[in-house]
């Protein structure tokens, strides 16, 4: 894949039709991809050949990176027989979990083989179960990163070379210490994963093992795969797309009856940026012995302290913690004040002792990227507030979703903290949204929290096969989601103003 290290996406964004398929950022290990026109997004979802031919990158849980595809092909040559397919997972345990999922869903048998490089293991399955295997890879996020794939393909065999392993462990210790200091816990209470969704899946395993046979609750409309994990694993989920007083009353009653395994919520939620009034709810859940799992990816630990109320906090480190957009990782932070802490910590310690999935080179990159994390978040806060102020006053903008003030975070709000880099907004109709999107001069593609701004038609990307359902949950088809970066605030406002000026006068 060609490298373009000199292109600065803050000053030279990938917004034009000619940028289709370019990696964002322009590096081999980018985790986003340019989809610069509304038509590109539709054709991407419709699996149009022109899009497939153009894509050089994509979000790693959805898009098979060329290096990872090569690793899969090598594993297929080694172990797959006629009518069989093969994926590679970062450990034997993750491969066996995938095998159990595929077999349970399809009724077909799978097998697992050691790849021969580090802890990599291959899952071999009947070819007609490929979609199910890929679903597991996506939902649970136990991915092989492009850096790990490159290393495995280089001819390395046996355990990880000692010098590389030592450097990776040092980086992981530094990351844990960095997150722990911001969270007010010990480094031993922070566990690292190869993706944010893998951290969510781990949290789900913890709470469903603590209270087996009971459903979880999802409050507010969440990022798509957070709900998927709860639907696909455990004993199901009770979903409340709007965490209003009625919903909270019903959840409270279920908690009092001991009928729940846990409650999940995002603070704030993605893409509608709402925030559950967690203080009252947390007290009621704690009294009933039911864990509360919060995800702080959007606001970040710099702006809020989710451990004030949560038993477990999940975070996608791919986003603002990294900022660069060239590494995928996640974290699960345990609350030492939780009544379930001893159980959770023992379970996680036992699992990660033999199941440390974050690849050493990814940890080294993440450690370097995150050194200025708090400073970047504060700049993003200010830039986002400037854009929100402009858009709320613009006559073409029908609605803006963004936390009204840090006060909506309740007891989690940090003194001097902001509201994060993410917002969503709505124009009159899809024609206006597509016109604006095509003309907006910021990079356009999935992900958030990058140092360069990103815009995407979120509902089309995340819920294309269920648009009516999403609309029924209050998430319109033509909603636009924006992740604000580190560009000059005035320049960003000017870019949005210029795109809005291209709308038909009727809008």
Foldseek 3Di string as FASTA:
>chain_A
DDADVVDDQQVFNQQAPVQQQAAVVRDLQFQKGFQRFPVSLLCVVVVPVVNVVRHQHHHVLQDQHPLQVVLQVVVCVVDPDPQKGKHKFLAPVLLVVLQVLLCVVPVWHWDKAQPFEAHMIMIMTGNVSVVSSSVSCNLQVRDQGSVNSVVSVVPHGDHDPPVLVVLLVVLLLLVLPVVCVLQVHDSLQKAKGQALSNLLLLVVVLLCVVPAPAAEEEEADAQQSSQVSRCSDGNHYHYDNHQDPVNLVVVLVCLVVVRHSAYEQECPHPPQNAHHPQPVSLVSNLVSVHFYEYEDAFQDSLFWRPLVRGQKYKYWCCAQQQQSRRGTMIMIGGNPPRPCRVSSSVVVVVCCVRPRRHDSVRSNSSSVSRPCRNVFFVLLLVLQVLQVVLLVPDPQWDDKRFPPWLCSNPPTGDVVHGGGQKIKTDGDDQVLLSQLSSQQSHGEIDGARHQGKYKYQVCSNRPVVPQVVVVVSVRHNRMMMMGHHNHDSVVNNVRSVVSNVPGPPVD
